[in-house]
Amino acid sequence: MLPIITEEVSTELFSEVFQDVQAWRKNMVQYLKEENPEINTAILEVAKYDEGIDLKAVALGAYLSYKMIENAADAEGVTFEE
């Protein structure tokens, strides 16, 4: 079961992201390459799939979702590691 993303978790993340969206997105690419390369590959492949959509916007939304789930899990003390 996924953790609940509270307003506090999302507000904290948004304040971090909106300081410099482009830099945050680039940092998330590097972070996920190390942390969960399969997810990073999936995000980039989906973002490239349709030429009519904005690659960076799709990736940003996916990275935000990933990080919110991760932060919510940390706040609840949930771990997904085996």
Protein backbone atom coordinates (compact mmCIF):
# COMPACT_ATOMS: atom_id res chain seq x y z
CA MET A 1 0.00 0.00 0.00
CA LEU A 2 1.29 3.43 -0.89
CA PRO A 3 1.65 6.07 1.81
CA ILE A 4 -0.75 8.99 2.13
CA ILE A 5 0.60 12.19 0.62
CA THR A 6 -0.34 14.88 3.09
CA GLU A 7 -0.63 18.58 2.40
CA GLU A 8 2.47 19.07 4.53
CA VAL A 9 4.49 16.65 2.39
CA SER A 10 3.36 18.21 -0.88
CA THR A 11 3.79 21.80 0.34
CA GLU A 12 7.32 21.08 1.51
CA LEU A 13 8.25 19.48 -1.80
CA PHE A 14 6.65 22.23 -3.89
CA SER A 15 8.57 24.90 -2.00
CA GLU A 16 11.81 23.06 -2.81
CA VAL A 17 10.93 22.42 -6.46
CA PHE A 18 9.64 25.89 -7.30
CA GLN A 19 12.88 27.56 -6.23
CA ASP A 20 14.40 26.28 -9.50
CA VAL A 21 12.24 23.82 -11.43
CA GLN A 22 14.79 23.10 -14.17
CA ALA A 23 17.62 22.39 -11.73
CA TRP A 24 15.36 20.22 -9.54
CA ARG A 25 14.25 18.16 -12.55
CA LYS A 26 17.85 17.65 -13.67
CA ASN A 27 18.84 16.61 -10.15
CA MET A 28 15.99 14.10 -10.08
CA VAL A 29 17.25 12.53 -13.31
CA GLN A 30 20.61 11.92 -11.64
CA TYR A 31 19.00 10.83 -8.36
CA LEU A 32 16.76 8.26 -10.04
CA LYS A 33 19.57 6.96 -12.24
CA GLU A 34 21.24 5.87 -9.01
CA GLU A 35 18.22 5.18 -6.79
CA ASN A 36 15.86 3.44 -9.22
CA PRO A 37 17.16 3.31 -12.80
CA GLU A 38 14.19 1.27 -14.07
CA ILE A 39 11.76 4.00 -13.02
CA ASN A 40 13.94 6.68 -14.56
CA THR A 41 14.10 4.77 -17.85
CA ALA A 42 10.33 4.27 -17.84
CA ILE A 43 9.70 7.98 -17.23
CA LEU A 44 12.02 9.03 -20.04
CA GLU A 45 10.61 6.45 -22.46
CA VAL A 46 7.01 7.53 -21.82
CA ALA A 47 8.01 11.17 -22.15
CA LYS A 48 9.53 10.45 -25.58
CA TYR A 49 6.64 8.27 -26.78
CA ASP A 50 4.32 11.01 -28.04
CA GLU A 51 5.85 13.84 -30.05
CA GLY A 52 2.86 16.06 -29.29
CA ILE A 53 3.56 16.31 -25.57
CA ASP A 54 6.19 18.26 -23.66
CA LEU A 55 8.91 15.83 -22.60
CA LYS A 56 10.10 17.97 -19.72
CA ALA A 57 6.58 18.51 -18.36
CA VAL A 58 5.83 14.77 -18.39
CA ALA A 59 9.12 13.98 -16.70
CA LEU A 60 8.61 16.73 -14.12
CA GLY A 61 5.17 15.39 -13.20
CA ALA A 62 6.50 11.86 -12.88
CA TYR A 63 9.48 12.97 -10.79
CA LEU A 64 7.20 15.04 -8.53
CA SER A 65 4.92 12.04 -8.02
CA TYR A 66 7.84 9.74 -7.26
CA LYS A 67 9.36 12.18 -4.78
CA MET A 68 6.02 12.85 -3.05
CA ILE A 69 5.49 9.13 -2.54
CA GLU A 70 9.05 8.73 -1.30
CA ASN A 71 8.74 11.70 1.11
CA ALA A 72 5.34 10.50 2.37
CA ALA A 73 6.79 7.04 2.99
CA ASP A 74 9.68 8.57 4.94
CA ALA A 75 7.23 10.65 6.99
CA GLU A 76 5.23 7.50 7.82
CA GLY A 77 8.33 5.41 8.44
CA VAL A 78 7.42 3.05 5.59
CA THR A 79 10.19 1.27 3.74
CA PHE A 80 9.86 -0.49 0.40
CA GLU A 81 13.18 -2.30 0.55
CA GLU A 82 13.35 -6.06 0.90
